Amino acid sequence: MPLSPTVVIVPTYNEADNIRDLLTQLLALPVELQVLVVDDNSPDGTGKLVDEMAAEHPGRVHVIHRPGKLGLGTAYIAGFKKALSELDASRVMTMDADFSHNPRFIPAMIDLSQSKHLVIGSRYVQGGGSLNCTWKRVMLSRIANMTAKLLLGLKARDTTAGFRLYRREVLTSIPLDKIFSSGYSFLVEMLFLCQRRGWQIGEVPIIFEDRRKGKTKISRQEIYKAQYTILRLFFRRLRRREPRQAAIPVSNP
């Protein structure tokens, strides 16, 4: 099986309405990639649909079946480990299954990864934005970003974005099994760890679209967990518990 330089990780839970269309669009992109779906035993049959796609596209679509809903962060970690150890990925991308992250932005993110270690699909740089999102969701996102930047010293404009592209060396430098966060706050913790280790971070403007089908997975409990994560990392920053290194030069991919 030919090895792909980029593996796209897509965590899923009840995304049967979206997953086949998403995988079709990903595989049609003019870049070499493989897709790894991490399904948390979706009651709506998402995992079965991905199995069918994997049979139709051997070597390009892969799936991890987990026994239940175990959290976004642990889904990403499971995907990272398989992408690095079994699929020999040189780059690993993360994105949502609900088309809030449009596949059309992926080629630009891969291009920027030639000069940056971590690339974020960003709503908050020039040319980016949100579409069909409620004002409450937009305000929640902006407040979370402002708080993370202020307390953690994060330099990226979109600190909570899940549309990201990591180079292999970034992920292998981070002790994935020691990451505390399991939900959406995992994204903030990963960015904090990347910046503290000196990896160079870039952003590509995207238009974030509210999900087309299905229900949002963001709950009030997730919001509380995110607040706790930011405070916990803030105190780690004060205690200098994470290494603070100078920017690391970009090596050839």
C-alpha atoms as a PDB file:
ATOM      1  CA  MET A   1       0.000   0.000   0.000  1.00  0.00           C
ATOM      2  CA  PRO A   2       1.470   3.395  -0.934  1.00  0.00           C
ATOM      3  CA  LEU A   3       1.980   5.648   2.051  1.00  0.00           C
ATOM      4  CA  SER A   4       0.259   9.012   2.107  1.00  0.00           C
ATOM      5  CA  PRO A   5       2.067  12.132   3.329  1.00  0.00           C
ATOM      6  CA  THR A   6      -1.136  13.543   4.861  1.00  0.00           C
ATOM      7  CA  VAL A   7      -3.707  11.706   6.974  1.00  0.00           C
ATOM      8  CA  VAL A   8      -6.985  13.478   7.758  1.00  0.00           C
ATOM      9  CA  ILE A   9      -8.531  12.458  11.092  1.00  0.00           C
ATOM     10  CA  VAL A  10     -12.315  12.832  11.328  1.00  0.00           C
ATOM     11  CA  PRO A  11     -13.918  11.993  14.710  1.00  0.00           C
ATOM     12  CA  THR A  12     -17.557  10.974  14.361  1.00  0.00           C
ATOM     13  CA  TYR A  13     -20.627  10.400  16.477  1.00  0.00           C
ATOM     14  CA  ASN A  14     -23.953  10.232  14.654  1.00  0.00           C
ATOM     15  CA  GLU A  15     -22.741  11.751  11.401  1.00  0.00           C
ATOM     16  CA  ALA A  16     -24.469   9.378   8.989  1.00  0.00           C
ATOM     17  CA  ASP A  17     -26.061  12.337   7.178  1.00  0.00           C
ATOM     18  CA  ASN A  18     -22.663  13.837   6.385  1.00  0.00           C
ATOM     19  CA  ILE A  19     -19.908  11.244   6.355  1.00  0.00           C
ATOM     20  CA  ARG A  20     -20.263   9.740   2.875  1.00  0.00           C
ATOM     21  CA  ASP A  21     -20.415  13.160   1.192  1.00  0.00           C
ATOM     22  CA  LEU A  22     -17.461  14.382   3.243  1.00  0.00           C
ATOM     23  CA  LEU A  23     -15.273  11.390   2.417  1.00  0.00           C
ATOM     24  CA  THR A  24     -16.157  11.678  -1.257  1.00  0.00           C
ATOM     25  CA  GLN A  25     -15.094  15.336  -1.316  1.00  0.00           C
ATOM     26  CA  LEU A  26     -11.882  14.629   0.598  1.00  0.00           C
ATOM     27  CA  LEU A  27     -10.843  11.845  -1.754  1.00  0.00           C
ATOM     28  CA  ALA A  28     -11.544  14.072  -4.761  1.00  0.00           C
ATOM     29  CA  LEU A  29      -9.139  16.817  -3.650  1.00  0.00           C
ATOM     30  CA  PRO A  30      -6.076  17.416  -5.874  1.00  0.00           C
ATOM     31  CA  VAL A  31      -3.706  16.414  -3.056  1.00  0.00           C
ATOM     32  CA  GLU A  32      -2.432  13.045  -1.882  1.00  0.00           C
ATOM     33  CA  LEU A  33      -4.157  12.090   1.354  1.00  0.00           C
ATOM     34  CA  GLN A  34      -5.766   9.323   3.331  1.00  0.00           C
ATOM     35  CA  VAL A  35      -8.726   9.637   5.686  1.00  0.00           C
ATOM     36  CA  LEU A  36      -8.947   8.082   9.145  1.00  0.00           C
ATOM     37  CA  VAL A  37     -12.398   8.139  10.760  1.00  0.00           C
ATOM     38  CA  VAL A  38     -12.587   7.584  14.530  1.00  0.00           C
ATOM     39  CA  ASP A  39     -16.157   6.518  15.260  1.00  0.00           C
ATOM     40  CA  ASP A  40     -17.536   6.281  18.794  1.00  0.00           C
ATOM     41  CA  ASN A  41     -20.040   3.503  18.106  1.00  0.00           C
ATOM     42  CA  SER A  42     -22.565   5.878  16.516  1.00  0.00           C
ATOM     43  CA  PRO A  43     -26.126   4.580  16.964  1.00  0.00           C
ATOM     44  CA  ASP A  44     -27.078   5.965  13.540  1.00  0.00           C
ATOM     45  CA  GLY A  45     -24.721   3.616  11.682  1.00  0.00           C
ATOM     46  CA  THR A  46     -21.938   6.071  10.826  1.00  0.00           C
ATOM     47  CA  GLY A  47     -19.294   3.434  11.465  1.00  0.00           C
ATOM     48  CA  LYS A  48     -20.938   0.982   9.055  1.00  0.00           C
ATOM     49  CA  LEU A  49     -21.029   3.624   6.309  1.00  0.00           C
ATOM     50  CA  VAL A  50     -17.318   4.279   6.806  1.00  0.00           C
ATOM     51  CA  ASP A  51     -16.611   0.530   6.596  1.00  0.00           C
ATOM     52  CA  GLU A  52     -18.375   0.517   3.242  1.00  0.00           C
ATOM     53  CA  MET A  53     -16.294   3.476   2.034  1.00  0.00           C
ATOM     54  CA  ALA A  54     -13.107   1.770   3.261  1.00  0.00           C
ATOM     55  CA  ALA A  55     -14.003  -1.300   1.200  1.00  0.00           C
ATOM     56  CA  GLU A  56     -14.612   0.905  -1.839  1.00  0.00           C
ATOM     57  CA  HIS A  57     -11.328   2.812  -1.345  1.00  0.00           C
ATOM     58  CA  PRO A  58      -8.786   0.384   0.140  1.00  0.00           C
ATOM     59  CA  GLY A  59      -5.663   2.094   1.417  1.00  0.00           C
ATOM     60  CA  ARG A  60      -7.280   5.523   1.368  1.00  0.00           C
ATOM     61  CA  VAL A  61     -10.087   5.255   3.945  1.00  0.00           C
ATOM     62  CA  HIS A  62      -9.445   3.793   7.395  1.00  0.00           C
ATOM     63  CA  VAL A  63     -11.595   3.538  10.501  1.00  0.00           C
ATOM     64  CA  ILE A  64     -11.135   3.088  14.236  1.00  0.00           C
ATOM     65  CA  HIS A  65     -14.218   1.721  15.979  1.00  0.00           C
ATOM     66  CA  ARG A  66     -14.439   2.677  19.649  1.00  0.00           C
ATOM     67  CA  PRO A  67     -16.924   1.172  22.132  1.00  0.00           C
ATOM     68  CA  GLY A  68     -18.717   4.413  22.992  1.00  0.00           C
ATOM     69  CA  LYS A  69     -18.591   8.187  23.234  1.00  0.00           C
ATOM     70  CA  LEU A  70     -15.204   8.755  24.871  1.00  0.00           C
ATOM     71  CA  GLY A  71     -14.515  12.409  24.061  1.00  0.00           C
ATOM     72  CA  LEU A  72     -13.064  14.435  21.213  1.00  0.00           C
ATOM     73  CA  GLY A  73      -9.570  14.631  22.671  1.00  0.00           C
ATOM     74  CA  THR A  74      -9.179  10.890  23.113  1.00  0.00           C
ATOM     75  CA  ALA A  75     -10.507  10.372  19.571  1.00  0.00           C
ATOM     76  CA  TYR A  76      -7.791  12.644  18.220  1.00  0.00           C
ATOM     77  CA  ILE A  77      -5.109  10.890  20.256  1.00  0.00           C
ATOM     78  CA  ALA A  78      -6.222   7.479  18.987  1.00  0.00           C
ATOM     79  CA  GLY A  79      -6.102   8.875  15.460  1.00  0.00           C
ATOM     80  CA  PHE A  80      -2.685  10.478  15.951  1.00  0.00           C
ATOM     81  CA  LYS A  81      -1.177   7.204  17.148  1.00  0.00           C
ATOM     82  CA  LYS A  82      -2.525   5.173  14.239  1.00  0.00           C
ATOM     83  CA  ALA A  83      -1.579   7.839  11.682  1.00  0.00           C
ATOM     84  CA  LEU A  84       1.988   8.041  12.973  1.00  0.00           C
ATOM     85  CA  SER A  85       2.697   4.395  13.704  1.00  0.00           C
ATOM     86  CA  GLU A  86       0.650   2.465  11.151  1.00  0.00           C
ATOM     87  CA  LEU A  87       0.057   4.902   8.291  1.00  0.00           C
ATOM     88  CA  ASP A  88       3.478   6.583   8.483  1.00  0.00           C
ATOM     89  CA  ALA A  89       1.993  10.050   8.022  1.00  0.00           C
ATOM     90  CA  SER A  90       4.316  13.009   7.598  1.00  0.00           C
ATOM     91  CA  ARG A  91       1.385  15.365   8.235  1.00  0.00           C
ATOM     92  CA  VAL A  92      -1.784  14.831  10.232  1.00  0.00           C
ATOM     93  CA  MET A  93      -4.900  16.951   9.792  1.00  0.00           C
ATOM     94  CA  THR A  94      -7.937  17.193  12.084  1.00  0.00           C
ATOM     95  CA  MET A  95     -11.371  18.361  11.001  1.00  0.00           C
ATOM     96  CA  ASP A  96     -15.059  18.038  11.859  1.00  0.00           C
ATOM     97  CA  ALA A  97     -17.433  15.736   9.996  1.00  0.00           C
ATOM     98  CA  ASP A  98     -20.310  18.215   9.699  1.00  0.00           C
ATOM     99  CA  PHE A  99     -18.926  20.432   6.891  1.00  0.00           C
ATOM    100  CA  SER A 100     -18.235  23.311   9.265  1.00  0.00           C
ATOM    101  CA  HIS A 101     -14.686  22.759   7.978  1.00  0.00           C
ATOM    102  CA  ASN A 102     -14.948  22.767   4.208  1.00  0.00           C
ATOM    103  CA  PRO A 103     -12.496  20.458   2.410  1.00  0.00           C
ATOM    104  CA  ARG A 104     -11.774  23.141  -0.185  1.00  0.00           C
ATOM    105  CA  PHE A 105      -9.407  24.863   2.250  1.00  0.00           C
ATOM    106  CA  ILE A 106      -7.158  21.827   2.690  1.00  0.00           C
ATOM    107  CA  PRO A 107      -4.787  22.415  -0.258  1.00  0.00           C
ATOM    108  CA  ALA A 108      -3.918  25.898   1.042  1.00  0.00           C
ATOM    109  CA  MET A 109      -3.270  24.486   4.520  1.00  0.00           C
ATOM    110  CA  ILE A 110      -0.969  21.821   3.097  1.00  0.00           C
ATOM    111  CA  ASP A 111       0.898  24.480   1.105  1.00  0.00           C
ATOM    112  CA  LEU A 112       1.493  26.577   4.227  1.00  0.00           C
ATOM    113  CA  SER A 113       2.783  23.528   6.112  1.00  0.00           C
ATOM    114  CA  GLN A 114       5.871  23.737   3.913  1.00  0.00           C
ATOM    115  CA  SER A 115       6.954  26.701   6.058  1.00  0.00           C
ATOM    116  CA  LYS A 116       5.004  26.183   9.306  1.00  0.00           C
ATOM    117  CA  HIS A 117       4.883  23.273  11.727  1.00  0.00           C
ATOM    118  CA  LEU A 118       1.218  23.742  12.664  1.00  0.00           C
ATOM    119  CA  VAL A 119      -1.375  25.280  10.352  1.00  0.00           C
ATOM    120  CA  ILE A 120      -4.763  26.415  11.643  1.00  0.00           C
ATOM    121  CA  GLY A 121      -7.840  26.928   9.491  1.00  0.00           C
ATOM    122  CA  SER A 122      -8.761  30.260  11.032  1.00  0.00           C
ATOM    123  CA  ARG A 123     -11.951  32.304  11.239  1.00  0.00           C
ATOM    124  CA  TYR A 124     -10.187  35.297  12.709  1.00  0.00           C
ATOM    125  CA  VAL A 125      -7.511  36.271  10.210  1.00  0.00           C
ATOM    126  CA  GLN A 126      -8.122  38.508   7.216  1.00  0.00           C
ATOM    127  CA  GLY A 127     -10.344  36.698   4.725  1.00  0.00           C
ATOM    128  CA  GLY A 128     -11.820  34.347   7.335  1.00  0.00           C
ATOM    129  CA  GLY A 129     -15.246  34.397   8.925  1.00  0.00           C
ATOM    130  CA  SER A 130     -18.358  32.483   9.943  1.00  0.00           C
ATOM    131  CA  LEU A 131     -21.499  31.613   7.997  1.00  0.00           C
ATOM    132  CA  ASN A 132     -24.994  30.818   9.294  1.00  0.00           C
ATOM    133  CA  CYS A 133     -23.831  30.777  12.917  1.00  0.00           C
ATOM    134  CA  THR A 134     -26.025  32.224  15.669  1.00  0.00           C
ATOM    135  CA  TRP A 135     -24.797  35.355  17.402  1.00  0.00           C
ATOM    136  CA  LYS A 136     -24.570  33.375  20.643  1.00  0.00           C
ATOM    137  CA  ARG A 137     -22.193  30.871  19.085  1.00  0.00           C
ATOM    138  CA  VAL A 138     -20.064  33.617  17.548  1.00  0.00           C
ATOM    139  CA  MET A 139     -19.858  35.461  20.883  1.00  0.00           C
ATOM    140  CA  LEU A 140     -19.009  32.254  22.747  1.00  0.00           C
ATOM    141  CA  SER A 141     -16.186  31.552  20.311  1.00  0.00           C
ATOM    142  CA  ARG A 142     -14.785  35.074  20.487  1.00  0.00           C
ATOM    143  CA  ILE A 143     -14.881  35.142  24.290  1.00  0.00           C
ATOM    144  CA  ALA A 144     -13.151  31.748  24.478  1.00  0.00           C
ATOM    145  CA  ASN A 145     -10.453  32.920  22.078  1.00  0.00           C
ATOM    146  CA  MET A 146      -9.903  36.179  23.916  1.00  0.00           C
ATOM    147  CA  THR A 147      -9.649  34.391  27.266  1.00  0.00           C
ATOM    148  CA  ALA A 148      -7.209  31.775  25.971  1.00  0.00           C
ATOM    149  CA  LYS A 149      -5.003  34.408  24.358  1.00  0.00           C
ATOM    150  CA  LEU A 150      -4.983  36.594  27.459  1.00  0.00           C
ATOM    151  CA  LEU A 151      -4.368  33.903  30.095  1.00  0.00           C
ATOM    152  CA  LEU A 152      -2.182  31.511  28.124  1.00  0.00           C
ATOM    153  CA  GLY A 153      -0.291  33.949  25.916  1.00  0.00           C
ATOM    154  CA  LEU A 154      -1.384  32.169  22.745  1.00  0.00           C
ATOM    155  CA  LYS A 155      -0.437  34.021  19.580  1.00  0.00           C
ATOM    156  CA  ALA A 156      -2.788  32.358  17.101  1.00  0.00           C
ATOM    157  CA  ARG A 157      -5.919  34.320  16.286  1.00  0.00           C
ATOM    158  CA  ASP A 158      -8.189  31.241  16.312  1.00  0.00           C
ATOM    159  CA  THR A 159      -7.172  29.250  19.375  1.00  0.00           C
ATOM    160  CA  THR A 160     -10.219  26.963  19.532  1.00  0.00           C
ATOM    161  CA  ALA A 161     -10.265  25.872  15.886  1.00  0.00           C
ATOM    162  CA  GLY A 162     -10.377  22.141  15.273  1.00  0.00           C
ATOM    163  CA  PHE A 163      -9.349  22.480  11.612  1.00  0.00           C
ATOM    164  CA  ARG A 164      -5.596  21.953  11.913  1.00  0.00           C
ATOM    165  CA  LEU A 165      -2.627  20.427  10.147  1.00  0.00           C
ATOM    166  CA  TYR A 166       0.273  19.145  12.264  1.00  0.00           C
ATOM    167  CA  ARG A 167       3.607  18.073  10.900  1.00  0.00           C
ATOM    168  CA  ARG A 168       4.814  14.728  12.206  1.00  0.00           C
ATOM    169  CA  GLU A 169       7.607  16.164  14.342  1.00  0.00           C
ATOM    170  CA  VAL A 170       5.128  18.313  16.264  1.00  0.00           C
ATOM    171  CA  LEU A 171       3.003  15.375  17.380  1.00  0.00           C
ATOM    172  CA  THR A 172       5.975  13.187  18.284  1.00  0.00           C
ATOM    173  CA  SER A 173       7.323  15.964  20.544  1.00  0.00           C
ATOM    174  CA  ILE A 174       4.205  16.037  22.721  1.00  0.00           C
ATOM    175  CA  PRO A 175       3.422  13.459  25.431  1.00  0.00           C
ATOM    176  CA  LEU A 176      -0.040  12.644  24.089  1.00  0.00           C
ATOM    177  CA  ASP A 177      -0.901  10.199  26.871  1.00  0.00           C
ATOM    178  CA  LYS A 178      -0.373  12.923  29.479  1.00  0.00           C
ATOM    179  CA  ILE A 179      -2.848  15.398  27.985  1.00  0.00           C
ATOM    180  CA  PHE A 180      -5.598  15.915  30.544  1.00  0.00           C
ATOM    181  CA  SER A 181      -8.349  17.401  28.399  1.00  0.00           C
ATOM    182  CA  SER A 182     -10.741  15.017  26.672  1.00  0.00           C
ATOM    183  CA  GLY A 183     -13.371  17.292  25.109  1.00  0.00           C
ATOM    184  CA  TYR A 184     -13.193  20.388  22.928  1.00  0.00           C
ATOM    185  CA  SER A 185     -10.762  21.991  25.377  1.00  0.00           C
ATOM    186  CA  PHE A 186      -8.218  19.471  24.070  1.00  0.00           C
ATOM    187  CA  LEU A 187      -7.733  21.870  21.169  1.00  0.00           C
ATOM    188  CA  VAL A 188      -6.613  24.706  23.442  1.00  0.00           C
ATOM    189  CA  GLU A 189      -4.266  22.417  25.363  1.00  0.00           C
ATOM    190  CA  MET A 190      -2.651  21.128  22.170  1.00  0.00           C
ATOM    191  CA  LEU A 191      -2.062  24.650  20.898  1.00  0.00           C
ATOM    192  CA  PHE A 192      -0.579  25.657  24.265  1.00  0.00           C
ATOM    193  CA  LEU A 193       1.816  22.687  24.175  1.00  0.00           C
ATOM    194  CA  CYS A 194       2.820  23.389  20.577  1.00  0.00           C
ATOM    195  CA  GLN A 195       3.578  27.056  21.197  1.00  0.00           C
ATOM    196  CA  ARG A 196       5.520  26.390  24.393  1.00  0.00           C
ATOM    197  CA  ARG A 197       7.725  23.954  22.509  1.00  0.00           C
ATOM    198  CA  GLY A 198       8.625  26.564  19.940  1.00  0.00           C
ATOM    199  CA  TRP A 199       6.869  25.136  16.910  1.00  0.00           C
ATOM    200  CA  GLN A 200       6.045  27.708  14.245  1.00  0.00           C
ATOM    201  CA  ILE A 201       2.312  28.265  13.817  1.00  0.00           C
ATOM    202  CA  GLY A 202       0.526  29.710  10.797  1.00  0.00           C
ATOM    203  CA  GLU A 203      -3.112  30.401   9.922  1.00  0.00           C
ATOM    204  CA  VAL A 204      -5.074  30.075   6.697  1.00  0.00           C
ATOM    205  CA  PRO A 205      -8.349  32.016   6.407  1.00  0.00           C
ATOM    206  CA  ILE A 206     -11.456  29.835   6.214  1.00  0.00           C
ATOM    207  CA  ILE A 207     -15.195  30.380   6.306  1.00  0.00           C
ATOM    208  CA  PHE A 208     -16.581  28.369   9.211  1.00  0.00           C
ATOM    209  CA  GLU A 209     -20.094  27.162   8.384  1.00  0.00           C
ATOM    210  CA  ASP A 210     -22.665  26.038  10.914  1.00  0.00           C
ATOM    211  CA  ARG A 211     -23.406  22.343  10.450  1.00  0.00           C
ATOM    212  CA  ARG A 212     -25.676  21.509   7.543  1.00  0.00           C
ATOM    213  CA  LYS A 213     -27.216  18.345   9.003  1.00  0.00           C
ATOM    214  CA  GLY A 214     -27.421  16.697  12.424  1.00  0.00           C
ATOM    215  CA  LYS A 215     -27.092  18.207  15.885  1.00  0.00           C
ATOM    216  CA  THR A 216     -24.267  20.127  17.498  1.00  0.00           C
ATOM    217  CA  LYS A 217     -22.085  18.244  20.018  1.00  0.00           C
ATOM    218  CA  ILE A 218     -21.191  21.314  22.106  1.00  0.00           C
ATOM    219  CA  SER A 219     -22.912  21.106  25.493  1.00  0.00           C
ATOM    220  CA  ARG A 220     -22.951  23.297  28.583  1.00  0.00           C
ATOM    221  CA  GLN A 221     -20.708  20.716  30.261  1.00  0.00           C
ATOM    222  CA  GLU A 222     -18.139  21.134  27.476  1.00  0.00           C
ATOM    223  CA  ILE A 223     -18.121  24.886  28.089  1.00  0.00           C
ATOM    224  CA  TYR A 224     -17.398  24.335  31.785  1.00  0.00           C
ATOM    225  CA  LYS A 225     -14.615  21.896  30.936  1.00  0.00           C
ATOM    226  CA  ALA A 226     -13.054  24.439  28.589  1.00  0.00           C
ATOM    227  CA  GLN A 227     -13.071  27.098  31.307  1.00  0.00           C
ATOM    228  CA  TYR A 228     -11.403  24.687  33.714  1.00  0.00           C
ATOM    229  CA  THR A 229      -8.767  23.753  31.128  1.00  0.00           C
ATOM    230  CA  ILE A 230      -7.810  27.365  30.488  1.00  0.00           C
ATOM    231  CA  LEU A 231      -7.451  28.059  34.214  1.00  0.00           C
ATOM    232  CA  ARG A 232      -5.447  24.868  34.752  1.00  0.00           C
ATOM    233  CA  LEU A 233      -3.056  25.719  31.913  1.00  0.00           C
ATOM    234  CA  PHE A 234      -2.797  29.301  33.164  1.00  0.00           C
ATOM    235  CA  PHE A 235      -1.455  28.073  36.503  1.00  0.00           C
ATOM    236  CA  ARG A 236       0.911  25.686  34.714  1.00  0.00           C
ATOM    237  CA  ARG A 237       2.176  28.658  32.743  1.00  0.00           C
ATOM    238  CA  LEU A 238       2.739  30.640  35.940  1.00  0.00           C
ATOM    239  CA  ARG A 239       4.641  27.721  37.467  1.00  0.00           C
ATOM    240  CA  ARG A 240       6.617  27.302  34.237  1.00  0.00           C
ATOM    241  CA  ARG A 241       5.695  23.655  34.075  1.00  0.00           C
ATOM    242  CA  GLU A 242       6.030  23.565  30.291  1.00  0.00           C
ATOM    243  CA  PRO A 243       9.266  24.167  28.373  1.00  0.00           C
ATOM    244  CA  ARG A 244       9.611  27.579  26.768  1.00  0.00           C
ATOM    245  CA  GLN A 245      11.783  27.215  23.705  1.00  0.00           C
ATOM    246  CA  ALA A 246      12.805  29.454  20.861  1.00  0.00           C
ATOM    247  CA  ALA A 247      11.112  28.908  17.519  1.00  0.00           C
ATOM    248  CA  ILE A 248      12.309  25.732  15.838  1.00  0.00           C
ATOM    249  CA  PRO A 249      13.380  26.068  12.184  1.00  0.00           C
ATOM    250  CA  VAL A 250      11.193  24.283   9.662  1.00  0.00           C
ATOM    251  CA  SER A 251      12.813  21.170   8.236  1.00  0.00           C
ATOM    252  CA  ASN A 252      12.067  19.648   4.851  1.00  0.00           C
ATOM    253  CA  PRO A 253       8.820  17.616   4.897  1.00  0.00           C
END
